[in-house]
């Protein structure tokens, strides 16, 4: 792999790296260094229950965190269980696809007897997705989740006034600035802000009968 041609900025960091220091890579997040300094202290929101590790697990963990924040703890842990099983049975280079998520949430494909089922109305946003419109939709509804894939193949969620990105140990303010941060963790994006989301599914809770 020719890093000099593929990622000049990474090559420069490696060449200038002091002896004894390391660069932390987080596959799936597109981040190559610590990201905490990128978020102002006052902008650091509620803690994320599940922080992304070495696996490219943002597609699972972004939704798991959003479910947990919206009060669906059991379903959040089910997503994490499915994620753990996925990466335990796949090669490290394999990345999950949205159909793997939907098999869990829409089809209850991994549901076991006695477990609580996912009961959401799930709608796919028509292409092209206007990210700025998604940013503004349902900001005051804690029970509505937007699960998105960005142009850098990273996955985040919007719930209430929060951006849920599993790279960070806390939620981010739901605004254009932090949407761009999530989409530019590895390199500057040339896309306009409205074009930063390539795939989006809206989760709305289905009211249960008493």
Protein backbone atom coordinates (compact mmCIF):
# COMPACT_ATOMS: atom_id res chain seq x y z
CA UNK A 1 0.00 0.00 0.00
CA UNK A 2 1.49 3.33 -1.07
CA UNK A 3 0.48 5.74 1.68
CA UNK A 4 2.45 8.58 0.11
CA UNK A 5 0.14 8.58 -2.90
CA UNK A 6 -3.05 7.42 -1.21
CA UNK A 7 -2.91 9.71 1.83
CA UNK A 8 -0.17 12.37 1.76
CA UNK A 9 -1.24 13.81 5.12
CA UNK A 10 -0.92 10.40 6.79
CA UNK A 11 2.48 9.90 5.21
CA UNK A 12 3.60 13.27 6.57
CA UNK A 13 2.41 12.38 10.07
CA UNK A 14 4.28 9.07 9.99
CA UNK A 15 7.48 10.69 8.75
CA UNK A 16 7.33 13.37 11.45
CA UNK A 17 6.29 11.02 14.26
CA UNK A 18 8.62 11.34 17.29
CA UNK A 19 10.31 8.17 18.51
CA UNK A 20 8.11 6.30 20.94
CA UNK A 21 4.84 7.90 19.87
CA UNK A 22 2.07 6.19 17.92
CA UNK A 23 -0.87 7.06 15.72
CA UNK A 24 -4.18 5.49 16.67
CA UNK A 25 -6.21 4.16 13.74
CA UNK A 26 -9.94 3.59 14.17
CA UNK A 27 -11.22 1.54 11.20
CA UNK A 28 -14.70 2.49 10.09
CA UNK A 29 -14.54 5.90 11.67
CA UNK A 30 -12.00 7.29 9.20
CA UNK A 31 -10.18 8.86 12.13
CA UNK A 32 -6.40 8.54 12.49
CA UNK A 33 -5.71 10.65 15.56
CA UNK A 34 -7.42 11.58 18.82
CA UNK A 35 -10.66 13.40 18.12
CA UNK A 36 -11.43 14.82 21.54
CA UNK A 37 -9.69 18.12 20.86
CA UNK A 38 -12.00 18.70 17.88
CA UNK A 39 -15.03 19.26 20.13
CA UNK A 40 -15.35 22.21 22.49
CA UNK A 41 -15.89 21.23 26.11
CA UNK A 42 -19.20 23.11 26.20
CA UNK A 43 -20.39 21.16 23.14
CA UNK A 44 -19.81 17.72 24.66
CA UNK A 45 -23.21 16.26 25.37
CA UNK A 46 -24.60 13.12 26.95
CA UNK A 47 -22.23 10.13 27.19
CA UNK A 48 -22.31 7.46 24.50
CA UNK A 49 -22.76 4.03 26.07
CA UNK A 50 -20.81 2.26 23.32
CA UNK A 51 -17.58 3.78 21.95
CA UNK A 52 -16.12 2.39 18.75
CA UNK A 53 -12.99 0.26 19.07
CA UNK A 54 -10.81 -1.37 16.46
CA UNK A 55 -13.63 -2.88 14.40
CA UNK A 56 -15.40 -0.87 11.67
CA UNK A 57 -18.54 -1.02 13.80
CA UNK A 58 -19.95 2.49 13.42
CA UNK A 59 -23.02 1.23 11.54
CA UNK A 60 -24.03 -0.88 14.55
CA UNK A 61 -22.83 1.32 17.39
CA UNK A 62 -24.26 4.60 16.12
CA UNK A 63 -27.74 3.05 16.17
CA UNK A 64 -27.12 1.25 19.46
CA UNK A 65 -26.16 4.52 21.14
CA UNK A 66 -29.16 6.33 19.67
CA UNK A 67 -31.52 3.60 20.91
CA UNK A 68 -29.94 3.75 24.36
CA UNK A 69 -30.27 7.53 24.51
CA UNK A 70 -33.94 7.29 23.50
CA UNK A 71 -34.71 4.87 26.33
CA UNK A 72 -34.54 1.59 24.40
CA UNK A 73 -31.75 -0.02 26.41
CA UNK A 74 -32.70 -3.64 25.68
CA UNK A 75 -32.78 -3.06 21.94
CA UNK A 76 -29.49 -1.17 22.12
CA UNK A 77 -27.78 -4.11 23.77
CA UNK A 78 -29.30 -6.44 21.15
CA UNK A 79 -27.64 -4.38 18.41
CA UNK A 80 -24.32 -4.59 20.25
CA UNK A 81 -24.73 -8.36 20.59
CA UNK A 82 -25.36 -8.69 16.86
CA UNK A 83 -22.33 -6.49 16.17
CA UNK A 84 -20.14 -8.66 18.38
CA UNK A 85 -21.34 -11.81 16.63
CA UNK A 86 -20.78 -10.22 13.21
CA UNK A 87 -17.17 -9.31 13.87
CA UNK A 88 -16.55 -12.56 15.67
CA UNK A 89 -17.46 -14.55 12.57
CA UNK A 90 -16.15 -12.29 9.81
CA UNK A 91 -12.73 -11.24 8.58
CA UNK A 92 -11.55 -7.95 10.06
CA UNK A 93 -11.60 -6.31 6.62
CA UNK A 94 -15.30 -7.07 6.17
CA UNK A 95 -17.63 -4.19 6.90
CA UNK A 96 -21.33 -4.51 7.69
CA UNK A 97 -23.91 -3.21 5.27
CA UNK A 98 -27.21 -1.51 5.97
CA UNK A 99 -29.02 -4.74 5.12
CA UNK A 100 -27.29 -6.34 8.12
CA UNK A 101 -28.84 -3.68 10.34
CA UNK A 102 -32.27 -3.95 8.73
CA UNK A 103 -32.24 -7.73 9.11
CA UNK A 104 -31.99 -7.05 12.84
CA UNK A 105 -34.31 -4.07 13.25
CA UNK A 106 -36.90 -4.52 10.50
CA UNK A 107 -37.06 -8.30 10.15
CA UNK A 108 -36.16 -9.20 13.76
CA UNK A 109 -33.88 -11.74 12.13
CA UNK A 110 -31.84 -12.43 15.26
CA UNK A 111 -34.78 -12.37 17.65
CA UNK A 112 -34.75 -15.12 20.24
CA UNK A 113 -37.71 -16.49 22.15
CA UNK A 114 -38.63 -14.25 25.04
CA UNK A 115 -36.68 -11.26 23.74
CA UNK A 116 -38.30 -7.92 23.10
CA UNK A 117 -38.86 -7.30 19.40
CA UNK A 118 -37.99 -4.20 17.43
CA UNK A 119 -41.21 -2.32 16.77
CA UNK A 120 -40.38 0.67 14.62
CA UNK A 121 -41.76 2.17 11.49
CA UNK A 122 -38.64 2.29 9.30
CA UNK A 123 -38.61 4.50 6.20
CA UNK A 124 -35.75 4.98 3.77
CA UNK A 125 -35.19 8.59 2.74
CA UNK A 126 -35.44 9.04 -1.01
CA UNK A 127 -32.23 9.72 -2.92
CA UNK A 128 -30.71 12.27 -3.13
CA UNK A 129 -30.77 12.94 0.59
CA UNK A 130 -30.65 16.58 1.65
CA UNK A 131 -28.50 16.47 4.79
CA UNK A 132 -29.46 19.96 5.90
CA UNK A 133 -33.14 19.01 5.84
CA UNK A 134 -32.41 15.86 7.86
CA UNK A 135 -30.54 18.00 10.37
CA UNK A 136 -33.68 20.04 11.03
CA UNK A 137 -36.27 17.25 10.97
CA UNK A 138 -37.84 16.11 14.26
CA UNK A 139 -35.29 17.85 16.49
CA UNK A 140 -37.77 17.91 19.36
CA UNK A 141 -38.77 14.26 19.09
CA UNK A 142 -36.58 12.02 21.23
CA UNK A 143 -38.37 8.92 19.91
CA UNK A 144 -37.38 9.47 16.26
CA UNK A 145 -33.97 8.36 15.03
CA UNK A 146 -32.27 9.08 11.72
CA UNK A 147 -29.61 6.46 10.94
CA UNK A 148 -27.24 7.81 8.29
CA UNK A 149 -24.22 6.83 6.21
CA UNK A 150 -21.99 9.73 5.22
CA UNK A 151 -19.85 10.32 2.16
CA UNK A 152 -16.78 9.01 4.02
CA UNK A 153 -18.61 5.69 4.69
CA UNK A 154 -18.92 6.59 8.37
CA UNK A 155 -22.24 6.09 10.14
CA UNK A 156 -23.95 8.42 12.62
CA UNK A 157 -27.43 8.99 14.02
CA UNK A 158 -29.57 12.01 14.76
CA UNK A 159 -31.87 11.83 17.77
CA UNK A 160 -33.46 14.85 19.37
CA UNK A 161 -30.97 17.71 19.42
CA UNK A 162 -27.98 15.34 19.27
CA UNK A 163 -25.61 13.86 16.72
CA UNK A 164 -24.60 10.38 17.83
CA UNK A 165 -21.16 9.39 16.55
CA UNK A 166 -19.62 6.32 18.23
CA UNK A 167 -16.09 7.62 17.64
CA UNK A 168 -16.74 10.16 20.38
CA UNK A 169 -17.49 9.25 24.02
CA UNK A 170 -20.26 11.85 24.06
CA UNK A 171 -22.96 13.22 21.77
CA UNK A 172 -22.46 16.30 19.62
CA UNK A 173 -24.76 19.25 18.95
CA UNK A 174 -27.05 18.62 16.00
CA UNK A 175 -25.82 21.29 13.62
CA UNK A 176 -23.98 21.69 10.33
CA UNK A 177 -20.59 22.26 11.96
CA UNK A 178 -20.54 18.89 13.67
CA UNK A 179 -22.12 17.08 10.76
CA UNK A 180 -19.16 18.24 8.69
CA UNK A 181 -16.77 17.14 11.43
CA UNK A 182 -18.20 13.62 11.33
CA UNK A 183 -17.89 13.56 7.54
CA UNK A 184 -14.32 14.90 7.59
CA UNK A 185 -12.62 12.79 10.23
CA UNK A 186 -9.98 11.56 7.80
CA UNK A 187 -9.82 14.33 5.23
CA UNK A 188 -11.54 17.51 4.16
CA UNK A 189 -14.73 16.88 2.26
CA UNK A 190 -15.31 18.65 -1.02
CA UNK A 191 -19.04 18.03 -0.94
CA UNK A 192 -21.54 20.69 -0.02
CA UNK A 193 -23.10 20.19 3.38
CA UNK A 194 -26.45 19.17 1.91
CA UNK A 195 -24.72 16.32 0.05
CA UNK A 196 -22.89 14.73 3.01
CA UNK A 197 -25.47 11.98 3.65
CA UNK A 198 -25.62 9.20 1.07
CA UNK A 199 -28.08 6.90 2.87
CA UNK A 200 -30.63 7.53 5.59
CA UNK A 201 -33.30 5.52 7.41
CA UNK A 202 -35.86 7.06 9.73
CA UNK A 203 -36.91 5.06 12.81
CA UNK A 204 -40.23 6.02 14.42
CA UNK A 205 -41.46 4.14 17.48
CA UNK A 206 -44.67 2.20 17.04
CA UNK A 207 -47.04 2.76 19.94
CA UNK A 208 -47.77 -0.41 21.86
CA UNK A 209 -51.29 -1.47 22.68
CA UNK A 210 -52.04 -1.48 26.38
